[in-house]
């Protein structure tokens, strides 16, 4: 799907996956989100482990939204943010399907 979107919108392929930061705020923001995710996972695992299945999807949605915002704000000409924004609805659908079909509840 990514190849089709890249070809249709004429977006060149990135050579290094997920290693391109547009500035220091982007690098430190990503690291802060990862540390925050680890802390929240540890807290949820001890307090209420039933919601831990939602955390990876919520983390990826947050990370991709942050990534696309930073790409849009500081590197518009690469148009890489379109790819990241396209992943977010797929993650939301995946999260809903996992919760409904495997756990029989929705947050």
PDB file of N, CA and C in Angstrom:
ATOM      1  N   UNK A   1       0.821  -1.186   0.000  1.00  0.00           N
ATOM      2  CA  UNK A   1       0.000   0.000   0.000  1.00  0.00           C
ATOM      3  C   UNK A   1       0.869   1.256   0.000  1.00  0.00           C
ATOM      4  N   UNK A   2       1.965   1.189   0.733  1.00  0.00           N
ATOM      5  CA  UNK A   2       2.856   2.347   0.780  1.00  0.00           C
ATOM      6  C   UNK A   2       3.445   2.635  -0.596  1.00  0.00           C
ATOM      7  N   UNK A   3       3.787   1.585  -1.347  1.00  0.00           N
ATOM      8  CA  UNK A   3       4.342   1.779  -2.685  1.00  0.00           C
ATOM      9  C   UNK A   3       3.351   2.479  -3.604  1.00  0.00           C
ATOM     10  N   UNK A   4       2.083   2.097  -3.505  1.00  0.00           N
ATOM     11  CA  UNK A   4       1.051   2.699  -4.351  1.00  0.00           C
ATOM     12  C   UNK A   4       0.895   4.178  -4.022  1.00  0.00           C
ATOM     13  N   UNK A   5       0.849   4.502  -2.733  1.00  0.00           N
ATOM     14  CA  UNK A   5       0.695   5.902  -2.322  1.00  0.00           C
ATOM     15  C   UNK A   5       1.908   6.715  -2.745  1.00  0.00           C
ATOM     16  N   UNK A   6       3.097   6.162  -2.566  1.00  0.00           N
ATOM     17  CA  UNK A   6       4.318   6.875  -2.963  1.00  0.00           C
ATOM     18  C   UNK A   6       4.346   7.122  -4.470  1.00  0.00           C
ATOM     19  N   UNK A   7       3.948   6.121  -5.239  1.00  0.00           N
ATOM     20  CA  UNK A   7       3.956   6.270  -6.690  1.00  0.00           C
ATOM     21  C   UNK A   7       2.890   7.256  -7.151  1.00  0.00           C
ATOM     22  N   UNK A   8       1.705   7.168  -6.558  1.00  0.00           N
ATOM     23  CA  UNK A   8       0.588   8.029  -6.952  1.00  0.00           C
ATOM     24  C   UNK A   8       0.868   9.495  -6.620  1.00  0.00           C
ATOM     25  N   UNK A   9       1.428   9.761  -5.434  1.00  0.00           N
ATOM     26  CA  UNK A   9       1.686  11.132  -4.999  1.00  0.00           C
ATOM     27  C   UNK A   9       3.108  11.600  -5.296  1.00  0.00           C
ATOM     28  N   UNK A  10       3.891  10.741  -5.954  1.00  0.00           N
ATOM     29  CA  UNK A  10       5.256  11.084  -6.344  1.00  0.00           C
ATOM     30  C   UNK A  10       6.114  11.457  -5.133  1.00  0.00           C
ATOM     31  N   UNK A  11       6.088  10.601  -4.126  1.00  0.00           N
ATOM     32  CA  UNK A  11       6.884  10.803  -2.916  1.00  0.00           C
ATOM     33  C   UNK A  11       8.060   9.836  -2.977  1.00  0.00           C
ATOM     34  N   UNK A  12       9.295  10.340  -2.938  1.00  0.00           N
ATOM     35  CA  UNK A  12      10.446   9.429  -3.009  1.00  0.00           C
ATOM     36  C   UNK A  12      10.556   8.569  -1.752  1.00  0.00           C
ATOM     37  N   UNK A  13      11.101   7.376  -1.930  1.00  0.00           N
ATOM     38  CA  UNK A  13      11.243   6.443  -0.809  1.00  0.00           C
ATOM     39  C   UNK A  13      12.379   6.886   0.100  1.00  0.00           C
ATOM     40  N   UNK A  14      12.139   6.784   1.407  1.00  0.00           N
ATOM     41  CA  UNK A  14      13.171   7.093   2.394  1.00  0.00           C
ATOM     42  C   UNK A  14      14.198   5.976   2.397  1.00  0.00           C
ATOM     43  N   UNK A  15      15.467   6.343   2.511  1.00  0.00           N
ATOM     44  CA  UNK A  15      16.505   5.313   2.523  1.00  0.00           C
ATOM     45  C   UNK A  15      16.657   4.689   3.905  1.00  0.00           C
ATOM     46  N   UNK A  16      16.673   5.490   4.945  1.00  0.00           N
ATOM     47  CA  UNK A  16      16.816   4.985   6.310  1.00  0.00           C
ATOM     48  C   UNK A  16      15.472   5.044   7.006  1.00  0.00           C
ATOM     49  N   UNK A  17      14.922   3.876   7.364  1.00  0.00           N
ATOM     50  CA  UNK A  17      13.612   3.846   7.994  1.00  0.00           C
ATOM     51  C   UNK A  17      13.695   4.352   9.422  1.00  0.00           C
ATOM     52  N   UNK A  18      12.865   5.325   9.722  1.00  0.00           N
ATOM     53  CA  UNK A  18      12.663   5.851  11.070  1.00  0.00           C
ATOM     54  C   UNK A  18      13.930   6.421  11.712  1.00  0.00           C
ATOM     55  N   UNK A  19      14.922   6.770  10.918  1.00  0.00           N
ATOM     56  CA  UNK A  19      16.127   7.361  11.495  1.00  0.00           C
ATOM     57  C   UNK A  19      16.274   8.821  11.095  1.00  0.00           C
ATOM     58  N   UNK A  20      15.308   9.346  10.372  1.00  0.00           N
ATOM     59  CA  UNK A  20      15.389  10.723   9.916  1.00  0.00           C
ATOM     60  C   UNK A  20      14.618  11.621  10.881  1.00  0.00           C
ATOM     61  N   UNK A  21      15.352  12.474  11.544  1.00  0.00           N
ATOM     62  CA  UNK A  21      14.723  13.470  12.400  1.00  0.00           C
ATOM     63  C   UNK A  21      14.877  14.814  11.709  1.00  0.00           C
ATOM     64  N   UNK A  22      13.824  15.629  11.742  1.00  0.00           N
ATOM     65  CA  UNK A  22      13.904  16.919  11.064  1.00  0.00           C
ATOM     66  C   UNK A  22      14.661  17.944  11.891  1.00  0.00           C
ATOM     67  N   UNK A  23      14.664  17.795  13.208  1.00  0.00           N
ATOM     68  CA  UNK A  23      15.438  18.686  14.084  1.00  0.00           C
ATOM     69  C   UNK A  23      15.595  18.025  15.456  1.00  0.00           C
ATOM     70  N   UNK A  24      16.240  18.734  16.376  1.00  0.00           N
ATOM     71  CA  UNK A  24      16.461  18.173  17.714  1.00  0.00           C
ATOM     72  C   UNK A  24      15.165  17.999  18.497  1.00  0.00           C
ATOM     73  N   UNK A  25      14.203  18.902  18.294  1.00  0.00           N
ATOM     74  CA  UNK A  25      12.917  18.772  18.984  1.00  0.00           C
ATOM     75  C   UNK A  25      12.220  17.475  18.572  1.00  0.00           C
ATOM     76  N   UNK A  26      12.355  17.110  17.326  1.00  0.00           N
ATOM     77  CA  UNK A  26      11.764  15.873  16.832  1.00  0.00           C
ATOM     78  C   UNK A  26      12.434  14.662  17.488  1.00  0.00           C
ATOM     79  N   UNK A  27      13.751  14.683  17.560  1.00  0.00           N
ATOM     80  CA  UNK A  27      14.497  13.578  18.163  1.00  0.00           C
ATOM     81  C   UNK A  27      14.146  13.429  19.640  1.00  0.00           C
ATOM     82  N   UNK A  28      14.162  14.538  20.372  1.00  0.00           N
ATOM     83  CA  UNK A  28      13.884  14.475  21.806  1.00  0.00           C
ATOM     84  C   UNK A  28      12.409  14.219  22.090  1.00  0.00           C
ATOM     85  N   UNK A  29      11.528  14.702  21.235  1.00  0.00           N
ATOM     86  CA  UNK A  29      10.107  14.410  21.396  1.00  0.00           C
ATOM     87  C   UNK A  29       9.808  12.931  21.225  1.00  0.00           C
ATOM     88  N   UNK A  30      10.453  12.315  20.243  1.00  0.00           N
ATOM     89  CA  UNK A  30      10.283  10.877  20.029  1.00  0.00           C
ATOM     90  C   UNK A  30      10.810  10.083  21.218  1.00  0.00           C
ATOM     91  N   UNK A  31      11.962  10.476  21.708  1.00  0.00           N
ATOM     92  CA  UNK A  31      12.526   9.790  22.874  1.00  0.00           C
ATOM     93  C   UNK A  31      11.644   9.969  24.106  1.00  0.00           C
ATOM     94  N   UNK A  32      11.099  11.165  24.285  1.00  0.00           N
ATOM     95  CA  UNK A  32      10.212  11.416  25.426  1.00  0.00           C
ATOM     96  C   UNK A  32       8.950  10.563  25.326  1.00  0.00           C
ATOM     97  N   UNK A  33       8.403  10.417  24.125  1.00  0.00           N
ATOM     98  CA  UNK A  33       7.222   9.569  23.946  1.00  0.00           C
ATOM     99  C   UNK A  33       7.530   8.109  24.274  1.00  0.00           C
ATOM    100  N   UNK A  34       8.699   7.646  23.902  1.00  0.00           N
ATOM    101  CA  UNK A  34       9.082   6.262  24.196  1.00  0.00           C
ATOM    102  C   UNK A  34       9.231   6.051  25.701  1.00  0.00           C
ATOM    103  N   UNK A  35       9.893   6.986  26.379  1.00  0.00           N
ATOM    104  CA  UNK A  35      10.051   6.881  27.838  1.00  0.00           C
ATOM    105  C   UNK A  35       8.685   6.946  28.519  1.00  0.00           C
ATOM    106  N   UNK A  36       7.826   7.857  28.061  1.00  0.00           N
ATOM    107  CA  UNK A  36       6.481   7.978  28.612  1.00  0.00           C
ATOM    108  C   UNK A  36       5.701   6.676  28.423  1.00  0.00           C
ATOM    109  N   UNK A  37       5.834   6.066  27.256  1.00  0.00           N
ATOM    110  CA  UNK A  37       5.161   4.795  26.982  1.00  0.00           C
ATOM    111  C   UNK A  37       5.627   3.701  27.944  1.00  0.00           C
ATOM    112  N   UNK A  38       6.915   3.630  28.170  1.00  0.00           N
ATOM    113  CA  UNK A  38       7.449   2.612  29.082  1.00  0.00           C
ATOM    114  C   UNK A  38       6.918   2.821  30.495  1.00  0.00           C
ATOM    115  N   UNK A  39       6.896   4.067  30.958  1.00  0.00           N
ATOM    116  CA  UNK A  39       6.395   4.370  32.304  1.00  0.00           C
ATOM    117  C   UNK A  39       4.913   4.031  32.419  1.00  0.00           C
ATOM    118  N   UNK A  40       4.119   4.440  31.426  1.00  0.00           N
ATOM    119  CA  UNK A  40       2.680   4.162  31.457  1.00  0.00           C
ATOM    120  C   UNK A  40       2.422   2.655  31.395  1.00  0.00           C
ATOM    121  N   UNK A  41       3.206   1.936  30.622  1.00  0.00           N
ATOM    122  CA  UNK A  41       3.050   0.481  30.547  1.00  0.00           C
ATOM    123  C   UNK A  41       3.326  -0.174  31.892  1.00  0.00           C
ATOM    124  N   UNK A  42       4.367   0.266  32.557  1.00  0.00           N
ATOM    125  CA  UNK A  42       4.676  -0.291  33.880  1.00  0.00           C
ATOM    126  C   UNK A  42       3.580   0.025  34.893  1.00  0.00           C
ATOM    127  N   UNK A  43       3.058   1.239  34.855  1.00  0.00           N
ATOM    128  CA  UNK A  43       1.984   1.621  35.777  1.00  0.00           C
ATOM    129  C   UNK A  43       0.722   0.814  35.487  1.00  0.00           C
ATOM    130  N   UNK A  44       0.351   0.709  34.206  1.00  0.00           N
ATOM    131  CA  UNK A  44      -0.859  -0.040  33.852  1.00  0.00           C
ATOM    132  C   UNK A  44      -0.716  -1.526  34.151  1.00  0.00           C
ATOM    133  N   UNK A  45       0.474  -2.052  33.998  1.00  0.00           N
ATOM    134  CA  UNK A  45       0.682  -3.476  34.271  1.00  0.00           C
ATOM    135  C   UNK A  45       0.489  -3.793  35.745  1.00  0.00           C
ATOM    136  N   UNK A  46       0.806  -2.835  36.608  1.00  0.00           N
ATOM    137  CA  UNK A  46       0.650  -3.092  38.039  1.00  0.00           C
ATOM    138  C   UNK A  46      -0.745  -2.736  38.540  1.00  0.00           C
ATOM    139  N   UNK A  47      -1.347  -1.686  38.005  1.00  0.00           N
ATOM    140  CA  UNK A  47      -2.649  -1.248  38.512  1.00  0.00           C
ATOM    141  C   UNK A  47      -3.821  -1.995  37.892  1.00  0.00           C
ATOM    142  N   UNK A  48      -3.912  -1.988  36.562  1.00  0.00           N
ATOM    143  CA  UNK A  48      -5.044  -2.605  35.893  1.00  0.00           C
ATOM    144  C   UNK A  48      -4.573  -3.212  34.570  1.00  0.00           C
ATOM    145  N   UNK A  49      -4.143  -4.457  34.588  1.00  0.00           N
ATOM    146  CA  UNK A  49      -3.553  -5.049  33.386  1.00  0.00           C
ATOM    147  C   UNK A  49      -4.530  -5.302  32.244  1.00  0.00           C
ATOM    148  N   UNK A  50      -5.832  -5.109  32.456  1.00  0.00           N
ATOM    149  CA  UNK A  50      -6.782  -5.360  31.374  1.00  0.00           C
ATOM    150  C   UNK A  50      -6.621  -4.351  30.233  1.00  0.00           C
ATOM    151  N   UNK A  51      -6.170  -3.141  30.535  1.00  0.00           N
ATOM    152  CA  UNK A  51      -6.035  -2.117  29.504  1.00  0.00           C
ATOM    153  C   UNK A  51      -4.675  -2.137  28.814  1.00  0.00           C
ATOM    154  N   UNK A  52      -3.817  -3.036  29.198  1.00  0.00           N
ATOM    155  CA  UNK A  52      -2.478  -3.065  28.613  1.00  0.00           C
ATOM    156  C   UNK A  52      -2.509  -3.465  27.136  1.00  0.00           C
ATOM    157  N   UNK A  53      -3.557  -4.132  26.699  1.00  0.00           N
ATOM    158  CA  UNK A  53      -3.654  -4.507  25.285  1.00  0.00           C
ATOM    159  C   UNK A  53      -3.867  -3.294  24.390  1.00  0.00           C
ATOM    160  N   UNK A  54      -4.404  -2.216  24.935  1.00  0.00           N
ATOM    161  CA  UNK A  54      -4.633  -1.006  24.146  1.00  0.00           C
ATOM    162  C   UNK A  54      -3.392  -0.133  24.020  1.00  0.00           C
ATOM    163  N   UNK A  55      -2.448  -0.291  24.911  1.00  0.00           N
ATOM    164  CA  UNK A  55      -1.300   0.612  24.954  1.00  0.00           C
ATOM    165  C   UNK A  55      -0.419   0.586  23.712  1.00  0.00           C
ATOM    166  N   UNK A  56      -0.070  -0.561  23.147  1.00  0.00           N
ATOM    167  CA  UNK A  56       0.783  -0.508  21.953  1.00  0.00           C
ATOM    168  C   UNK A  56       0.138   0.236  20.788  1.00  0.00           C
ATOM    169  N   UNK A  57      -1.147   0.016  20.573  1.00  0.00           N
ATOM    170  CA  UNK A  57      -1.834   0.712  19.481  1.00  0.00           C
ATOM    171  C   UNK A  57      -1.892   2.207  19.765  1.00  0.00           C
ATOM    172  N   UNK A  58      -2.240   2.585  20.998  1.00  0.00           N
ATOM    173  CA  UNK A  58      -2.285   4.009  21.349  1.00  0.00           C
ATOM    174  C   UNK A  58      -0.908   4.656  21.245  1.00  0.00           C
ATOM    175  N   UNK A  59       0.122   3.921  21.625  1.00  0.00           N
ATOM    176  CA  UNK A  59       1.485   4.435  21.503  1.00  0.00           C
ATOM    177  C   UNK A  59       1.849   4.672  20.040  1.00  0.00           C
ATOM    178  N   UNK A  60       1.561   3.709  19.180  1.00  0.00           N
ATOM    179  CA  UNK A  60       1.894   3.867  17.766  1.00  0.00           C
ATOM    180  C   UNK A  60       1.103   4.991  17.118  1.00  0.00           C
ATOM    181  N   UNK A  61      -0.168   5.136  17.486  1.00  0.00           N
ATOM    182  CA  UNK A  61      -0.969   6.242  16.956  1.00  0.00           C
ATOM    183  C   UNK A  61      -0.360   7.570  17.378  1.00  0.00           C
ATOM    184  N   UNK A  62      -0.004   7.694  18.653  1.00  0.00           N
ATOM    185  CA  UNK A  62       0.612   8.924  19.150  1.00  0.00           C
ATOM    186  C   UNK A  62       1.946   9.187  18.469  1.00  0.00           C
ATOM    187  N   UNK A  63       2.754   8.159  18.324  1.00  0.00           N
ATOM    188  CA  UNK A  63       4.070   8.319  17.707  1.00  0.00           C
ATOM    189  C   UNK A  63       3.952   8.728  16.242  1.00  0.00           C
ATOM    190  N   UNK A  64       3.058   8.096  15.493  1.00  0.00           N
ATOM    191  CA  UNK A  64       2.891   8.449  14.087  1.00  0.00           C
ATOM    192  C   UNK A  64       2.270   9.831  13.916  1.00  0.00           C
ATOM    193  N   UNK A  65       1.364  10.215  14.799  1.00  0.00           N
ATOM    194  CA  UNK A  65       0.812  11.579  14.741  1.00  0.00           C
ATOM    195  C   UNK A  65       1.898  12.610  15.020  1.00  0.00           C
ATOM    196  N   UNK A  66       2.731  12.354  16.011  1.00  0.00           N
ATOM    197  CA  UNK A  66       3.844  13.259  16.312  1.00  0.00           C
ATOM    198  C   UNK A  66       4.824  13.315  15.143  1.00  0.00           C
ATOM    199  N   UNK A  67       5.138  12.158  14.581  1.00  0.00           N
ATOM    200  CA  UNK A  67       6.049  12.090  13.441  1.00  0.00           C
ATOM    201  C   UNK A  67       5.496  12.878  12.254  1.00  0.00           C
ATOM    202  N   UNK A  68       4.222  12.690  11.946  1.00  0.00           N
ATOM    203  CA  UNK A  68       3.641  13.391  10.802  1.00  0.00           C
ATOM    204  C   UNK A  68       3.548  14.887  11.055  1.00  0.00           C
ATOM    205  N   UNK A  69       3.264  15.295  12.297  1.00  0.00           N
ATOM    206  CA  UNK A  69       3.228  16.724  12.606  1.00  0.00           C
ATOM    207  C   UNK A  69       4.602  17.356  12.415  1.00  0.00           C
ATOM    208  N   UNK A  70       5.638  16.699  12.922  1.00  0.00           N
ATOM    209  CA  UNK A  70       6.987  17.253  12.786  1.00  0.00           C
ATOM    210  C   UNK A  70       7.420  17.291  11.322  1.00  0.00           C
ATOM    211  N   UNK A  71       7.086  16.269  10.561  1.00  0.00           N
ATOM    212  CA  UNK A  71       7.409  16.267   9.132  1.00  0.00           C
ATOM    213  C   UNK A  71       6.642  17.371   8.405  1.00  0.00           C
ATOM    214  N   UNK A  72       5.366  17.540   8.737  1.00  0.00           N
ATOM    215  CA  UNK A  72       4.558  18.572   8.090  1.00  0.00           C
ATOM    216  C   UNK A  72       5.058  19.969   8.451  1.00  0.00           C
ATOM    217  N   UNK A  73       5.377  20.175   9.709  1.00  0.00           N
ATOM    218  CA  UNK A  73       5.772  21.499  10.185  1.00  0.00           C
ATOM    219  C   UNK A  73       7.145  21.917   9.666  1.00  0.00           C
ATOM    220  N   UNK A  74       8.107  21.005   9.646  1.00  0.00           N
ATOM    221  CA  UNK A  74       9.488  21.384   9.363  1.00  0.00           C
ATOM    222  C   UNK A  74      10.060  20.823   8.067  1.00  0.00           C
ATOM    223  N   UNK A  75       9.360  19.903   7.402  1.00  0.00           N
ATOM    224  CA  UNK A  75       9.897  19.319   6.172  1.00  0.00           C
ATOM    225  C   UNK A  75       8.759  19.039   5.190  1.00  0.00           C
ATOM    226  N   UNK A  76       8.022  20.091   4.839  1.00  0.00           N
ATOM    227  CA  UNK A  76       6.850  19.927   3.977  1.00  0.00           C
ATOM    228  C   UNK A  76       7.201  19.434   2.581  1.00  0.00           C
ATOM    229  N   UNK A  77       8.346  19.839   2.067  1.00  0.00           N
ATOM    230  CA  UNK A  77       8.663  19.491   0.685  1.00  0.00           C
ATOM    231  C   UNK A  77       8.884  17.997   0.473  1.00  0.00           C
ATOM    232  N   UNK A  78       9.236  17.254   1.513  1.00  0.00           N
ATOM    233  CA  UNK A  78       9.422  15.807   1.347  1.00  0.00           C
ATOM    234  C   UNK A  78       8.079  15.076   1.269  1.00  0.00           C
ATOM    235  N   UNK A  79       7.035  15.655   1.825  1.00  0.00           N
ATOM    236  CA  UNK A  79       5.682  15.095   1.848  1.00  0.00           C
ATOM    237  C   UNK A  79       5.628  13.697   2.462  1.00  0.00           C
ATOM    238  N   UNK A  80       6.594  13.411   3.294  1.00  0.00           N
ATOM    239  CA  UNK A  80       6.635  12.123   3.991  1.00  0.00           C
ATOM    240  C   UNK A  80       5.512  12.027   5.021  1.00  0.00           C
ATOM    241  N   UNK A  81       5.023  13.156   5.491  1.00  0.00           N
ATOM    242  CA  UNK A  81       3.956  13.171   6.494  1.00  0.00           C
ATOM    243  C   UNK A  81       2.683  12.528   5.975  1.00  0.00           C
ATOM    244  N   UNK A  82       2.477  12.526   4.671  1.00  0.00           N
ATOM    245  CA  UNK A  82       1.287  11.901   4.092  1.00  0.00           C
ATOM    246  C   UNK A  82       1.302  10.395   4.370  1.00  0.00           C
ATOM    247  N   UNK A  83       2.471   9.798   4.284  1.00  0.00           N
ATOM    248  CA  UNK A  83       2.603   8.363   4.554  1.00  0.00           C
ATOM    249  C   UNK A  83       2.279   8.067   6.013  1.00  0.00           C
ATOM    250  N   UNK A  84       2.829   8.886   6.917  1.00  0.00           N
ATOM    251  CA  UNK A  84       2.591   8.657   8.343  1.00  0.00           C
ATOM    252  C   UNK A  84       1.131   8.897   8.708  1.00  0.00           C
ATOM    253  N   UNK A  85       0.509   9.897   8.101  1.00  0.00           N
ATOM    254  CA  UNK A  85      -0.909  10.144   8.379  1.00  0.00           C
ATOM    255  C   UNK A  85      -1.790   9.025   7.831  1.00  0.00           C
ATOM    256  N   UNK A  86      -1.339   8.364   6.787  1.00  0.00           N
ATOM    257  CA  UNK A  86      -2.092   7.242   6.239  1.00  0.00           C
ATOM    258  C   UNK A  86      -2.063   6.013   7.127  1.00  0.00           C
ATOM    259  N   UNK A  87      -1.041   5.903   7.952  1.00  0.00           N
ATOM    260  CA  UNK A  87      -0.911   4.750   8.844  1.00  0.00           C
ATOM    261  C   UNK A  87      -1.852   4.872  10.041  1.00  0.00           C
ATOM    262  N   UNK A  88      -2.123   6.094  10.480  1.00  0.00           N
ATOM    263  CA  UNK A  88      -2.924   6.313  11.693  1.00  0.00           C
ATOM    264  C   UNK A  88      -4.324   5.701  11.588  1.00  0.00           C
ATOM    265  N   UNK A  89      -5.094   5.937  10.512  1.00  0.00           N
ATOM    266  CA  UNK A  89      -6.414   5.280  10.450  1.00  0.00           C
ATOM    267  C   UNK A  89      -6.321   3.754  10.429  1.00  0.00           C
ATOM    268  N   UNK A  90      -5.279   3.223   9.808  1.00  0.00           N
ATOM    269  CA  UNK A  90      -5.105   1.768   9.811  1.00  0.00           C
ATOM    270  C   UNK A  90      -4.847   1.242  11.216  1.00  0.00           C
ATOM    271  N   UNK A  91      -4.086   1.986  12.002  1.00  0.00           N
ATOM    272  CA  UNK A  91      -3.844   1.586  13.389  1.00  0.00           C
ATOM    273  C   UNK A  91      -5.111   1.669  14.228  1.00  0.00           C
ATOM    274  N   UNK A  92      -5.920   2.688  13.989  1.00  0.00           N
ATOM    275  CA  UNK A  92      -7.187   2.819  14.718  1.00  0.00           C
ATOM    276  C   UNK A  92      -8.104   1.641  14.392  1.00  0.00           C
ATOM    277  N   UNK A  93      -8.204   1.302  13.117  1.00  0.00           N
ATOM    278  CA  UNK A  93      -9.034   0.167  12.709  1.00  0.00           C
ATOM    279  C   UNK A  93      -8.495  -1.131  13.310  1.00  0.00           C
ATOM    280  N   UNK A  94      -7.182  -1.286  13.301  1.00  0.00           N
ATOM    281  CA  UNK A  94      -6.570  -2.477  13.893  1.00  0.00           C
ATOM    282  C   UNK A  94      -6.868  -2.570  15.384  1.00  0.00           C
ATOM    283  N   UNK A  95      -6.770  -1.450  16.096  1.00  0.00           N
ATOM    284  CA  UNK A  95      -7.074  -1.440  17.524  1.00  0.00           C
ATOM    285  C   UNK A  95      -8.514  -1.810  17.811  1.00  0.00           C
ATOM    286  N   UNK A  96      -9.425  -1.280  17.018  1.00  0.00           N
ATOM    287  CA  UNK A  96     -10.843  -1.607  17.195  1.00  0.00           C
ATOM    288  C   UNK A  96     -11.079  -3.095  16.936  1.00  0.00           C
ATOM    289  N   UNK A  97     -10.484  -3.615  15.866  1.00  0.00           N
ATOM    290  CA  UNK A  97     -10.674  -5.031  15.543  1.00  0.00           C
ATOM    291  C   UNK A  97     -10.094  -5.940  16.621  1.00  0.00           C
ATOM    292  N   UNK A  98      -8.928  -5.600  17.126  1.00  0.00           N
ATOM    293  CA  UNK A  98      -8.323  -6.422  18.184  1.00  0.00           C
ATOM    294  C   UNK A  98      -9.211  -6.440  19.420  1.00  0.00           C
ATOM    295  N   UNK A  99      -9.704  -5.267  19.815  1.00  0.00           N
ATOM    296  CA  UNK A  99     -10.537  -5.203  21.017  1.00  0.00           C
ATOM    297  C   UNK A  99     -11.883  -5.883  20.832  1.00  0.00           C
ATOM    298  N   UNK A 100     -12.499  -5.715  19.687  1.00  0.00           N
ATOM    299  CA  UNK A 100     -13.819  -6.305  19.483  1.00  0.00           C
ATOM    300  C   UNK A 100     -13.770  -7.816  19.279  1.00  0.00           C
ATOM    301  N   UNK A 101     -12.829  -8.277  18.487  1.00  0.00           N
ATOM    302  CA  UNK A 101     -12.820  -9.689  18.130  1.00  0.00           C
ATOM    303  C   UNK A 101     -12.073 -10.576  19.120  1.00  0.00           C
ATOM    304  N   UNK A 102     -11.039 -10.049  19.750  1.00  0.00           N
ATOM    305  CA  UNK A 102     -10.254 -10.890  20.639  1.00  0.00           C
ATOM    306  C   UNK A 102     -10.593 -10.694  22.110  1.00  0.00           C
ATOM    307  N   UNK A 103     -10.994  -9.487  22.480  1.00  0.00           N
ATOM    308  CA  UNK A 103     -11.248  -9.210  23.895  1.00  0.00           C
ATOM    309  C   UNK A 103     -12.713  -8.929  24.193  1.00  0.00           C
ATOM    310  N   UNK A 104     -13.542  -8.810  23.171  1.00  0.00           N
ATOM    311  CA  UNK A 104     -14.982  -8.586  23.293  1.00  0.00           C
ATOM    312  C   UNK A 104     -15.347  -7.371  24.127  1.00  0.00           C
ATOM    313  N   UNK A 105     -14.553  -6.330  24.046  1.00  0.00           N
ATOM    314  CA  UNK A 105     -14.901  -5.063  24.679  1.00  0.00           C
ATOM    315  C   UNK A 105     -14.228  -3.939  23.916  1.00  0.00           C
ATOM    316  N   UNK A 106     -14.699  -2.755  24.143  1.00  0.00           N
ATOM    317  CA  UNK A 106     -14.090  -1.575  23.532  1.00  0.00           C
ATOM    318  C   UNK A 106     -13.759  -0.598  24.640  1.00  0.00           C
ATOM    319  N   UNK A 107     -12.523  -0.373  24.854  1.00  0.00           N
ATOM    320  CA  UNK A 107     -11.978   0.524  25.885  1.00  0.00           C
ATOM    321  C   UNK A 107     -13.002   0.813  26.894  1.00  0.00           C
TER     322      UNK A 107
END
